[in-house]
């Protein structure tokens, strides 16, 4: 075998070795790259999963927060609505009581009974009715009321009430007065004892409201909660 053939075989062997080494190195590099890619992908996947879980948890917390805020707002709105309704009904109740009392004490016969009862009690307590002044609403005994009923001065209920009551009171030493400040009911001044008895519609309504209001409120509490 000559030298050139040996050199050729050496070169071929070297090339084969280099090729083998290159393939091995390339394979290793490829495996490394794949491993790194897999590791990076796993890392990215883990990070994405963590971020997704965090985002989901944040969304859940935000949803619960909004839900709780909504429930609280609804509860507050309902409580305010109930309070407003109760307040409105209480105000309406007071107005209705006031109107009922005003209508009742505006009746001439009721006024007459109130005056007679008051004077009778004053006489029983003090021994006499002298010095007692009874104050009636101006619309009952005032000049305007008389002028408005001028055509019916002899037979009108108002005239009969005023004349009949005045006669009875004069016999008992009681005087009658009219007041523009009195809308309904009566007031009486017992001069001997310096006492003012307030039986106006406002005073009567106020006493009724004080008595009935707790019961009405309790009834509301039982119906509206």
Protein backbone atom coordinates (compact mmCIF):
# COMPACT_ATOMS: atom_id res chain seq x y z
CA UNK A 1 0.00 0.00 0.00
CA UNK A 2 1.42 3.29 -0.96
CA UNK A 3 1.52 6.44 1.07
CA UNK A 4 -1.15 8.29 -0.87
CA UNK A 5 -3.69 5.56 -0.16
CA UNK A 6 -2.87 5.64 3.52
CA UNK A 7 -3.27 9.41 3.59
CA UNK A 8 -6.61 9.16 1.83
CA UNK A 9 -7.82 6.63 4.29
CA UNK A 10 -6.61 8.82 7.13
CA UNK A 11 -8.45 11.78 5.73
CA UNK A 12 -11.59 9.70 5.27
CA UNK A 13 -11.29 8.42 8.81
CA UNK A 14 -10.79 11.95 10.08
CA UNK A 15 -13.79 13.14 8.12
CA UNK A 16 -15.85 10.26 9.39
CA UNK A 17 -14.73 11.02 12.94
CA UNK A 18 -15.51 14.68 12.54
CA UNK A 19 -18.84 13.84 11.03
CA UNK A 20 -19.60 11.48 13.87
CA UNK A 21 -18.45 14.03 16.43
CA UNK A 22 -20.47 16.74 14.69
CA UNK A 23 -23.57 14.60 14.62
CA UNK A 24 -23.12 13.74 18.27
CA UNK A 25 -22.52 17.34 19.16
CA UNK A 26 -25.45 18.44 17.07
CA UNK A 27 -27.63 15.83 18.67
CA UNK A 28 -26.53 16.92 22.12
CA UNK A 29 -27.11 20.57 21.22
CA UNK A 30 -30.48 19.74 19.80
CA UNK A 31 -31.35 17.80 22.93
CA UNK A 32 -30.15 20.72 25.04
CA UNK A 33 -32.17 23.16 23.03
CA UNK A 34 -35.24 20.94 23.25
CA UNK A 35 -34.72 20.49 26.99
CA UNK A 36 -34.33 24.24 27.46
CA UNK A 37 -37.36 24.86 25.29
CA UNK A 38 -39.36 22.36 27.31
CA UNK A 39 -38.15 23.94 30.55
CA UNK A 40 -38.98 27.42 29.26
CA UNK A 41 -42.37 26.22 28.06
CA UNK A 42 -43.02 24.62 31.43
CA UNK A 43 -41.95 27.83 33.15
CA UNK A 44 -44.16 29.92 30.88
CA UNK A 45 -47.02 27.49 31.43
CA UNK A 46 -46.53 27.58 35.19
CA UNK A 47 -46.37 31.38 35.16
CA UNK A 48 -49.44 31.57 32.96
CA UNK A 49 -51.27 29.16 35.26
CA UNK A 50 -50.25 31.19 38.30
CA UNK A 51 -51.29 34.43 36.61
CA UNK A 52 -54.57 32.87 35.52
CA UNK A 53 -55.27 31.60 39.04
CA UNK A 54 -54.40 35.03 40.47
CA UNK A 55 -56.59 36.77 37.90
CA UNK A 56 -59.42 34.33 38.63
CA UNK A 57 -59.01 34.85 42.37
CA UNK A 58 -58.89 38.63 41.94
CA UNK A 59 -62.01 38.45 39.79
CA UNK A 60 -63.76 36.32 42.41
CA UNK A 61 -62.79 38.74 45.18
CA UNK A 62 -63.93 41.70 43.08
CA UNK A 63 -67.18 39.91 42.26
CA UNK A 64 -67.81 39.16 45.93
CA UNK A 65 -66.97 42.76 46.80
CA UNK A 66 -69.41 44.08 44.21
CA UNK A 67 -72.02 41.58 45.28
CA UNK A 68 -71.65 42.54 48.94
CA UNK A 69 -71.71 46.23 48.02
CA UNK A 70 -74.86 45.61 45.99
CA UNK A 71 -76.50 43.72 48.84
CA UNK A 72 -75.54 46.46 51.30
CA UNK A 73 -76.84 49.17 48.96
CA UNK A 74 -80.09 47.25 48.46
CA UNK A 75 -80.44 46.68 52.19
CA UNK A 76 -79.83 50.38 52.86
CA UNK A 77 -82.30 51.38 50.16
CA UNK A 78 -84.94 49.03 51.58
CA UNK A 79 -84.31 50.28 55.11
CA UNK A 80 -84.57 53.89 53.95
CA UNK A 81 -87.74 53.07 52.01
CA UNK A 82 -89.29 51.45 55.08
CA UNK A 83 -88.31 54.38 57.30
CA UNK A 84 -89.70 56.83 54.74
CA UNK A 85 -92.92 54.84 54.49
CA UNK A 86 -93.28 54.72 58.28
CA UNK A 87 -92.56 58.43 58.55
CA UNK A 88 -95.09 59.20 55.81
CA UNK A 89 -97.74 57.02 57.42
CA UNK A 90 -97.09 58.57 60.85
CA UNK A 91 -97.42 62.06 59.37
CA UNK A 92 -100.61 61.03 57.56
CA UNK A 93 -101.93 59.52 60.80
CA UNK A 94 -101.37 62.80 62.65
CA UNK A 95 -103.06 64.75 59.84
CA UNK A 96 -106.04 62.38 59.87
CA UNK A 97 -106.38 62.66 63.66
CA UNK A 98 -106.20 66.44 63.44
CA UNK A 99 -108.83 66.53 60.68
CA UNK A 100 -111.13 64.14 62.54
CA UNK A 101 -110.93 66.20 65.72
CA UNK A 102 -111.43 69.48 63.82
CA UNK A 103 -114.51 68.11 62.07
CA UNK A 104 -115.92 66.76 65.31
CA UNK A 105 -115.49 69.89 67.44
CA UNK A 106 -116.73 72.09 64.60
CA UNK A 107 -120.22 70.64 65.02
CA UNK A 108 -122.38 73.20 66.89
CA UNK A 109 -124.05 70.55 68.99
CA UNK A 110 -120.65 69.17 70.03
CA UNK A 111 -119.48 72.69 70.91
CA UNK A 112 -122.60 73.23 72.99
CA UNK A 113 -122.07 70.01 74.90
CA UNK A 114 -118.41 70.87 75.47
CA UNK A 115 -119.31 74.30 76.89
CA UNK A 116 -122.06 72.95 79.11
CA UNK A 117 -119.85 70.15 80.37
CA UNK A 118 -116.95 72.49 81.05
CA UNK A 119 -119.08 75.05 82.88
CA UNK A 120 -120.84 72.31 84.81
CA UNK A 121 -117.54 70.91 86.00
CA UNK A 122 -116.23 74.38 86.85
CA UNK A 123 -119.34 75.00 88.94
CA UNK A 124 -118.95 71.66 90.67
CA UNK A 125 -115.28 72.29 91.45
CA UNK A 126 -115.47 75.98 92.41
CA UNK A 127 -119.06 76.25 93.62
CA UNK A 128 -120.04 78.80 90.98
CA UNK A 129 -119.60 79.67 87.36
CA UNK A 130 -119.14 83.39 87.97
CA UNK A 131 -116.10 84.86 86.26
CA UNK A 132 -115.78 82.03 83.77
CA UNK A 133 -114.99 83.20 80.25
CA UNK A 134 -115.63 80.77 77.41
CA UNK A 135 -113.72 81.44 74.19
CA UNK A 136 -115.28 80.14 70.98
CA UNK A 137 -113.97 80.19 67.42
CA UNK A 138 -114.73 83.42 65.58
CA UNK A 139 -116.42 81.50 62.76
CA UNK A 140 -119.05 80.35 65.27
CA UNK A 141 -119.92 83.59 67.11
CA UNK A 142 -117.88 86.26 65.35
CA UNK A 143 -119.37 89.11 63.27
CA UNK A 144 -118.38 87.43 60.01
CA UNK A 145 -120.29 84.32 60.95
CA UNK A 146 -123.37 86.35 61.86
CA UNK A 147 -123.20 88.32 58.59
CA UNK A 148 -122.83 85.13 56.58
CA UNK A 149 -126.01 83.80 58.22
CA UNK A 150 -127.95 87.10 58.15
CA UNK A 151 -130.66 85.65 55.91
CA UNK A 152 -131.23 82.86 58.40
CA UNK A 153 -130.93 84.87 61.60
CA UNK A 154 -134.18 83.59 63.11
CA UNK A 155 -134.12 79.92 62.20
CA UNK A 156 -130.48 79.10 61.46
CA UNK A 157 -128.76 76.43 63.51
CA UNK A 158 -125.84 78.77 64.16
CA UNK A 159 -128.10 81.54 65.54
CA UNK A 160 -130.05 79.13 67.71
CA UNK A 161 -126.81 77.74 69.03
CA UNK A 162 -125.32 81.14 69.87
CA UNK A 163 -128.49 82.66 71.31
CA UNK A 164 -129.48 79.58 73.26
CA UNK A 165 -126.00 79.04 74.61
CA UNK A 166 -125.55 82.71 75.49
CA UNK A 167 -128.80 82.79 77.43
CA UNK A 168 -127.86 79.70 79.38
CA UNK A 169 -124.38 81.00 80.07
CA UNK A 170 -125.58 84.45 81.13
CA UNK A 171 -127.87 82.82 83.67
CA UNK A 172 -124.85 81.06 85.11
CA UNK A 173 -122.66 84.17 85.10
CA UNK A 174 -120.54 82.96 82.19
CA UNK A 175 -119.39 85.22 79.38
CA UNK A 176 -118.70 84.22 75.77
CA UNK A 177 -115.91 85.57 73.60
CA UNK A 178 -114.80 84.97 70.04
CA UNK A 179 -111.18 84.50 69.01
CA UNK A 180 -109.61 84.53 65.54
CA UNK A 181 -106.77 82.42 66.92
CA UNK A 182 -109.10 79.55 67.76
CA UNK A 183 -109.92 77.36 64.77
CA UNK A 184 -112.01 74.74 66.55
CA UNK A 185 -113.06 73.63 70.01
CA UNK A 186 -113.19 75.96 73.01
CA UNK A 187 -111.03 77.52 75.68
CA UNK A 188 -112.11 78.62 79.12
CA UNK A 189 -110.63 81.02 81.65
CA UNK A 190 -111.53 80.45 85.27
CA UNK A 191 -110.82 83.93 86.60
CA UNK A 192 -111.20 82.93 90.22
CA UNK A 193 -108.43 80.33 89.99
CA UNK A 194 -106.55 81.98 87.11
CA UNK A 195 -106.74 78.74 85.11
CA UNK A 196 -106.91 78.38 81.33
CA UNK A 197 -108.52 75.21 80.06
CA UNK A 198 -107.50 74.46 76.50
CA UNK A 199 -110.00 72.29 74.67
CA UNK A 200 -109.09 73.54 71.22
CA UNK A 201 -108.91 71.13 68.31
CA UNK A 202 -105.12 71.41 68.34
CA UNK A 203 -104.89 70.55 72.05
CA UNK A 204 -107.34 67.66 71.80
CA UNK A 205 -105.62 66.31 68.68
CA UNK A 206 -102.22 66.59 70.38
CA UNK A 207 -103.43 64.57 73.38
CA UNK A 208 -105.01 61.95 71.12
CA UNK A 209 -101.86 61.68 69.05
CA UNK A 210 -99.71 61.26 72.17
CA UNK A 211 -102.03 58.48 73.31
CA UNK A 212 -102.52 56.75 69.95
CA UNK A 213 -99.15 57.29 68.31
CA UNK A 214 -97.27 54.52 70.21
CA UNK A 215 -100.05 52.07 69.40
CA UNK A 216 -100.10 53.10 65.75
CA UNK A 217 -96.30 52.83 65.57
CA UNK A 218 -96.46 49.36 67.15
CA UNK A 219 -99.05 48.35 64.55
CA UNK A 220 -96.76 49.63 61.78
CA UNK A 221 -93.82 47.70 63.20
CA UNK A 222 -95.92 44.55 63.08
CA UNK A 223 -96.85 45.09 59.44
CA UNK A 224 -93.83 46.93 57.98
CA UNK A 225 -90.39 45.66 58.95
